[in-house]
Protein backbone atom coordinates (compact mmCIF):
# COMPACT_ATOMS: atom_id res chain seq x y z
CA MET A 1 -0.04 -0.02 0.01
CA THR A 2 1.53 3.36 -1.04
CA LEU A 3 2.22 5.97 1.48
CA ASP A 4 2.62 9.63 1.19
CA PRO A 5 5.88 10.80 2.98
CA THR A 6 4.27 14.11 3.92
CA GLU A 7 1.32 12.39 5.51
CA VAL A 8 3.68 10.05 7.36
CA SER A 9 5.89 12.89 8.60
CA LYS A 10 2.92 14.72 10.02
CA LEU A 11 1.47 11.66 11.66
CA LEU A 12 4.72 10.43 13.57
CA PRO A 13 4.68 13.29 16.17
CA GLU A 14 1.05 12.59 16.76
CA VAL A 15 1.80 8.97 17.50
CA ARG A 16 4.66 9.84 19.93
CA THR A 17 2.43 12.42 21.73
CA LEU A 18 -0.46 10.15 22.16
CA VAL A 19 1.60 7.24 23.44
CA ASN A 20 3.43 9.44 25.94
CA LYS A 21 0.07 10.74 27.17
CA VAL A 22 -1.46 7.28 27.68
CA VAL A 23 1.71 5.87 29.24
CA LYS A 24 1.86 8.87 31.77
CA LYS A 25 -1.89 8.54 32.42
CA ASN A 26 -1.64 4.76 33.18
CA MET A 27 1.60 4.68 35.02
CA ALA A 28 2.38 1.44 36.83
CA ASP A 29 4.43 0.37 39.71
CA GLY A 30 6.35 -2.29 37.75
CA PHE A 31 6.75 -3.73 34.29
CA LEU A 32 6.42 -7.24 32.74
CA PHE A 33 9.06 -6.44 30.03
CA SER A 34 9.50 -8.64 27.04
CA ALA A 35 11.08 -6.02 24.72
CA GLY A 36 8.55 -6.84 22.05
CA THR A 37 7.56 -3.72 20.01
CA ASP A 38 4.65 -3.19 22.37
CA THR A 39 6.78 -3.04 25.56
CA GLN A 40 9.76 -1.32 24.04
CA ILE A 41 7.70 1.70 23.28
CA ILE A 42 6.08 1.75 26.61
CA ALA A 43 9.44 1.46 28.42
CA TYR A 44 10.84 4.41 26.29
CA GLU A 45 7.99 6.59 27.51
CA ALA A 46 7.73 5.40 30.99
CA VAL A 47 11.34 5.91 32.09
CA LYS A 48 10.73 9.79 31.52
CA TYR A 49 8.48 9.70 34.41
CA LYS A 50 9.69 6.74 36.45
CA PRO A 51 13.43 6.03 35.63
CA ASP A 52 13.79 3.25 38.21
CA ILE A 53 10.63 1.41 37.36
CA PRO A 54 11.35 -2.34 38.16
CA CYS A 55 11.23 -4.40 35.00
CA LEU A 56 10.83 -8.19 35.13
CA THR A 57 11.49 -10.57 32.14
CA LEU A 58 10.52 -14.23 32.17
CA ALA A 59 12.24 -16.98 30.41
CA PHE A 60 11.67 -20.78 30.39
CA LYS A 61 15.00 -22.29 31.16
CA HIS A 62 14.26 -25.52 29.15
CA GLY A 63 13.20 -23.59 26.03
CA THR A 64 14.82 -21.01 23.50
CA PRO A 65 13.60 -17.61 24.56
CA LYS A 66 13.68 -15.06 21.66
CA ASP A 67 13.36 -12.07 23.85
CA THR A 68 16.80 -12.33 25.61
CA GLU A 69 18.96 -10.41 23.02
CA TYR A 70 16.39 -7.56 22.63
CA VAL A 71 15.93 -7.21 26.39
CA LYS A 72 19.69 -6.84 26.86
CA ARG A 73 19.77 -4.08 24.18
CA MET A 74 16.85 -2.16 25.73
CA VAL A 75 18.38 -2.46 29.28
CA GLU A 76 21.52 -0.79 28.10
CA LEU A 77 19.91 1.85 26.00
CA LEU A 78 17.37 3.05 28.75
CA ASN A 79 19.36 1.99 31.75
CA LEU A 80 16.42 -0.03 32.96
CA LYS A 81 16.28 -1.62 36.44
CA GLN A 82 15.61 -5.10 35.05
CA GLU A 83 16.02 -8.62 36.13
CA THR A 84 15.19 -11.95 34.29
CA TYR A 85 13.67 -14.90 36.11
CA GLN A 86 14.30 -18.28 34.49
CA PHE A 87 11.48 -20.46 35.48
CA GLY A 88 11.43 -24.15 35.16
CA LYS A 89 9.18 -27.38 35.13
CA GLU A 90 8.68 -27.10 38.92
CA ASP A 91 7.20 -23.47 38.41
CA VAL A 92 4.95 -24.81 35.59
CA LEU A 93 3.63 -27.59 37.55
CA LYS A 94 3.17 -25.30 40.61
CA PHE A 95 1.28 -22.48 38.77
CA PHE A 96 -0.58 -23.97 35.88
CA PRO A 97 -3.46 -24.81 38.18
CA LYS A 98 -3.79 -21.12 39.26
CA VAL A 99 -3.79 -20.00 35.68
CA VAL A 100 -6.51 -22.48 34.68
CA GLU A 101 -8.55 -21.23 37.64
CA ALA A 102 -8.06 -17.52 36.97
CA LEU A 103 -8.88 -17.98 33.30
CA LYS A 104 -11.56 -20.65 33.66
CA LYS A 105 -10.20 -22.65 30.47
CA TYR A 106 -7.81 -25.20 29.39
CA ASP A 107 -6.79 -24.05 25.94
CA PRO A 108 -3.11 -25.09 25.78
CA MET A 109 -1.84 -22.10 23.89
CA GLU A 110 -3.72 -19.64 26.21
CA ILE A 111 -2.24 -21.42 29.32
CA ARG A 112 1.22 -21.60 27.74
CA ASN A 113 1.22 -17.86 26.94
CA SER A 114 -0.28 -16.93 30.23
CA LEU A 115 2.06 -18.89 32.60
CA PRO A 116 4.98 -16.50 32.38
CA VAL A 117 2.79 -13.51 33.09
CA TYR A 118 1.19 -15.21 36.22
CA ILE A 119 4.61 -16.29 37.45
CA GLY A 120 5.97 -12.76 36.95
CA LEU A 121 3.07 -11.28 38.88
CA THR A 122 3.70 -13.66 41.80
CA LEU A 123 7.31 -12.55 41.86
CA LEU A 124 6.35 -8.75 41.60
CA LYS A 125 3.61 -8.83 44.32
CA PRO A 126 6.00 -9.51 47.32
CA LYS A 127 7.90 -6.53 46.35
CA GLY A 128 4.92 -4.31 46.98
CA ILE A 129 4.27 -3.73 43.38
CA LYS A 130 0.40 -3.44 42.95
CA SER A 131 0.13 -2.38 39.29
CA VAL A 132 2.07 -3.71 36.31
CA PHE A 133 2.50 -2.59 32.78
CA THR A 134 1.72 -4.90 29.94
CA GLY A 135 1.73 -4.37 26.09
CA ASP A 136 -1.83 -5.71 25.76
CA ALA A 137 -3.94 -4.73 22.76
CA LEU A 138 -1.49 -3.38 20.31
CA ASP A 139 -1.52 -6.77 18.29
CA GLU A 140 -5.37 -6.73 18.19
CA LEU A 141 -5.50 -3.05 17.23
CA PHE A 142 -2.99 -3.30 14.49
CA GLY A 143 -3.23 -6.87 13.25
CA TYR A 144 -1.31 -10.16 13.38
CA PRO A 145 1.12 -11.68 10.78
CA TRP A 146 -1.40 -14.48 10.10
CA GLN A 147 -3.60 -11.82 8.69
CA PHE A 148 -1.16 -10.40 6.06
CA HIS A 149 -2.53 -12.28 3.23
CA LEU A 150 -6.11 -10.79 3.66
CA THR A 151 -7.52 -8.03 1.40
CA GLU A 152 -8.18 -4.71 2.95
CA ALA A 153 -11.75 -5.43 3.16
CA GLU A 154 -11.20 -8.89 4.76
CA PHE A 155 -8.73 -7.42 7.21
CA ALA A 156 -11.13 -4.67 8.26
CA LYS A 157 -13.84 -7.17 8.87
CA LYS A 158 -11.53 -9.44 10.98
CA GLN A 159 -10.35 -6.46 12.96
CA GLU A 160 -13.99 -5.59 13.90
CA GLU A 161 -14.74 -9.10 14.86
CA MET A 162 -11.67 -9.27 17.00
CA TRP A 163 -12.35 -5.90 18.61
CA ALA A 164 -15.85 -7.21 19.65
CA GLU A 165 -14.33 -9.96 21.55
CA MET A 166 -11.15 -8.57 22.94
CA GLY A 167 -9.99 -9.86 26.24
CA PHE A 168 -6.63 -10.18 27.96
CA SER A 169 -5.64 -13.06 30.34
CA SER A 170 -3.36 -10.69 32.32
CA VAL A 171 -6.38 -8.96 33.81
CA PRO A 172 -8.12 -11.81 35.56
CA MET A 173 -4.82 -13.26 36.55
CA ALA A 174 -3.77 -9.93 38.17
CA GLU A 175 -7.31 -9.64 39.87
CA SER A 176 -6.92 -13.02 41.27
CA LEU A 177 -3.71 -11.96 42.97
CA GLY A 178 -5.19 -8.57 44.13
CA MET A 179 -3.15 -6.63 41.62
CA GLU A 180 -3.91 -4.38 38.48
CA ILE A 181 -2.76 -4.42 35.00
CA LYS A 182 -1.96 -1.19 33.45
CA SER A 183 -2.20 -1.39 29.59
CA PRO A 184 -1.65 2.01 27.89
CA TYR A 185 -2.83 0.60 24.59
CA ARG A 186 -6.14 -0.31 26.20
CA ASP A 187 -6.72 3.39 27.17
CA PRO A 188 -9.82 4.62 25.48
CA ALA A 189 -8.05 7.49 23.73
CA PHE A 190 -5.44 5.23 22.20
CA MET A 191 -8.04 2.56 21.12
CA LYS A 192 -10.37 5.15 19.43
CA TRP A 193 -7.30 6.61 17.50
CA ALA A 194 -6.01 3.14 16.52
CA MET A 195 -9.40 1.80 15.35
CA ALA A 196 -9.84 4.87 13.07
CA LEU A 197 -6.42 4.52 11.77
CA PRO A 198 -6.20 3.55 7.98
CA ILE A 199 -4.94 0.02 7.34
CA LYS A 200 -1.97 1.31 5.27
CA TYR A 201 -0.47 2.68 8.55
CA LYS A 202 -1.04 -0.72 10.47
CA ILE A 203 0.54 -3.02 7.99
CA ASN A 204 3.13 -2.01 5.48
CA MET A 205 6.55 -2.89 4.02
CA TYR A 206 9.95 -2.13 5.61
CA ASN A 207 13.12 -3.15 3.66
CA GLY A 208 11.04 -5.61 1.57
CA VAL A 209 9.36 -7.22 4.60
CA LYS A 210 5.74 -6.79 5.53
CA TYR A 211 5.24 -5.60 9.14
CA SER A 212 2.37 -5.03 11.47
CA LYS A 213 2.45 -2.00 13.85
CA TRP A 214 4.01 -0.12 11.01
CA ILE A 215 3.36 3.40 12.09
CA MET A 216 4.25 2.67 15.69
CA ARG A 217 7.66 1.19 14.67
CA LYS A 218 8.21 4.21 12.35
CA ALA A 219 7.47 6.70 15.01
CA TYR A 220 10.22 5.39 17.30
CA GLU A 221 12.89 4.14 14.84
CA ASP A 222 14.96 7.21 15.33
CA VAL A 223 15.00 6.89 19.08
CA LEU A 224 15.34 3.04 19.44
CA PRO A 225 17.83 0.89 17.51
CA LYS A 226 16.23 0.07 14.12
CA ASP A 227 17.01 -3.72 14.37
CA VAL A 228 15.20 -3.68 17.66
CA ILE A 229 12.01 -1.65 16.86
CA TRP A 230 11.75 -3.63 13.61
CA ARG A 231 12.15 -7.01 15.25
CA PRO A 232 9.82 -9.69 13.94
CA LYS A 233 6.74 -10.54 15.89
CA ALA A 234 7.39 -13.28 18.45
CA PRO A 235 4.32 -14.55 20.24
CA LEU A 236 4.77 -14.76 24.06
CA GLU A 237 5.31 -18.53 23.90
CA GLN A 238 8.28 -17.90 21.56
CA GLY A 239 9.57 -14.82 23.35
CA THR A 240 9.56 -16.71 26.73
CA GLY A 241 10.49 -20.10 25.43
CA THR A 242 7.31 -21.79 26.65
CA GLU A 243 6.53 -23.11 23.20
CA ALA A 244 8.70 -26.00 24.42
CA LEU A 245 5.76 -27.01 26.65
CA ARG A 246 4.05 -28.45 23.54
CA THR A 247 6.25 -31.50 23.92
CA TYR A 248 7.82 -31.07 27.24
CA PHE A 249 5.21 -33.20 29.13
CA ASN A 250 5.38 -36.07 26.74
CA ASP A 251 7.65 -38.08 29.04
CA MET A 252 5.64 -37.32 32.09
CA ILE A 253 2.52 -39.27 30.98
CA PRO A 254 3.16 -42.71 29.43
CA ASP A 255 1.50 -43.29 26.06
CA LYS A 256 -0.74 -46.01 27.41
CA GLU A 257 -1.90 -43.88 30.32
CA PHE A 258 -2.67 -41.11 28.00
CA ALA A 259 -4.58 -43.10 25.58
CA GLU A 260 -6.71 -44.50 28.33
CA LYS A 261 -7.33 -41.27 29.96
CA LYS A 262 -8.23 -39.80 26.50
CA ALA A 263 -10.76 -42.52 25.92
CA THR A 264 -12.33 -42.26 29.34
CA ILE A 265 -12.67 -38.42 29.17
CA LYS A 266 -14.41 -38.87 25.79
CA LYS A 267 -16.72 -41.53 27.06
CA GLU A 268 -17.54 -39.84 30.40
CA ASP A 269 -17.35 -36.12 29.62
CA ASP A 270 -17.76 -36.05 25.85
CA VAL A 271 -14.59 -34.09 25.49
CA GLU A 272 -11.78 -34.63 22.90
CA ILE A 273 -8.24 -34.22 24.38
CA GLN A 274 -5.60 -33.33 21.68
CA ASP A 275 -2.35 -33.97 23.54
CA LYS A 276 -0.63 -34.69 26.93
CA GLU A 277 -0.24 -30.93 27.74
CA GLN A 278 -4.02 -30.31 27.29
CA LEU A 279 -4.76 -33.32 29.34
CA LEU A 280 -2.78 -31.86 32.18
CA TYR A 281 -4.74 -28.65 32.11
CA TYR A 282 -8.11 -30.31 31.52
CA GLU A 283 -7.83 -32.56 34.50
CA HIS A 284 -7.54 -29.56 36.65
CA PHE A 285 -10.26 -27.68 35.00
CA ARG A 286 -12.58 -30.70 35.31
CA LYS A 287 -11.68 -31.06 39.12
CA LYS A 288 -12.17 -27.30 39.80
CA PHE A 289 -15.14 -26.49 37.56
CA GLY A 290 -16.80 -29.69 36.24
CA LYS A 291 -17.64 -30.66 32.57
CA PRO A 292 -17.18 -27.91 29.97
CA LYS A 293 -20.78 -28.35 28.65
CA ASP A 294 -22.19 -27.87 32.30
CA VAL A 295 -19.85 -24.87 32.97
CA PHE A 296 -20.81 -23.27 29.66
CA PRO A 297 -24.20 -24.50 28.82
CA LYS A 298 -26.39 -23.64 25.87
CA VAL A 299 -26.97 -19.94 25.48
CA GLU A 300 -28.85 -18.00 22.98
CA GLY A 301 -26.51 -16.87 20.13
CA GLY A 302 -23.89 -19.27 21.26
CA ILE A 303 -21.98 -21.82 19.15
CA GLU A 304 -21.35 -25.32 20.37
CA CYS A 305 -17.78 -26.41 20.27
CA PRO A 306 -17.42 -29.85 18.62
CA LYS A 307 -14.51 -30.70 20.90
CA CYS A 308 -15.60 -29.80 24.46
CA HIS A 309 -19.27 -28.89 23.81
CA SER A 310 -19.07 -25.68 25.51
CA TYR A 311 -21.33 -22.90 24.09
CA ILE A 312 -19.31 -19.81 23.10
CA LYS A 313 -20.58 -16.50 21.82
CA THR A 314 -18.09 -15.76 19.02
CA LYS A 315 -17.57 -14.49 15.49
CA ILE A 316 -14.08 -15.61 15.12
CA GLN A 317 -14.92 -19.44 15.24
CA PHE A 318 -12.48 -20.09 18.15
CA CYS A 319 -13.31 -21.97 21.27
CA LYS A 320 -12.18 -19.90 24.23
CA VAL A 321 -12.43 -22.82 26.59
CA CYS A 322 -10.43 -25.57 24.89
CA GLY A 323 -8.86 -23.74 22.02
CA ALA A 324 -10.56 -25.59 19.18
CA TYR A 325 -10.46 -23.96 15.78
CA PRO A 326 -12.61 -23.60 13.71
CA ILE A 327 -15.77 -24.17 15.45
């Protein structure tokens, strides 16, 4: 999509002014810092008002975290008061039940993505930190890489559907711990601006590569290292290394036991279990809440998930309970 350089140059200071305003307005006591585009920008603005804000980065010691290099660069640039906590299998086994309970779901990707956030919150709370910055909402407002192939009309439609159902796991997890999430990108002023922004400023090309959050990156490329602000999108599970959990539990449950439990759950609960990781999360969900179809019964306008038989109100064909797609 062609851009007018004059229009872009006029828009850049508007972006920086707005981001500075919503960061200042939603100032937090601490920061869950991944050094993704979302949190890089917040950190750059936040240190203007709170130079010593404590920043915590999470990394799964048994995985291959992609955030490490970028975190180091940002810490040096902004002189951040930052530490990294490497969590292991013992932390996952200790905290996944709490995540399942807080979110009331057993979708493996959601639990996998949320675990580092929950663990981070439990580490920040004893330090007296009551509110925490996250970069929530920027992806939803500006689009994901998996949407790059869509036409402008299709992309606009998908965005509207996503905005109608936006929800962030950090919020209920923080509430369960008596804490508060501060998300500058969820500020009404920023959301209104972003929703009205033409698509060409959300997704466009840089050095021959298509990027989301284009105007956000462009607005800060002169104050942050270009290779940092233009880093590729890394989902939370890749950034922290928890994608390794997809197969990490395979040795914990013997194949025969998994097959037997899977068959029993299908027979007794009418729920399909996809793998050993999901089994781990489902067993706790079942113990805490009951059968999905009883927890989320038939509701007007709801869609029945063929895998767990929960009824979900959704336009994006995604089961928010078990993660099945499409439904």
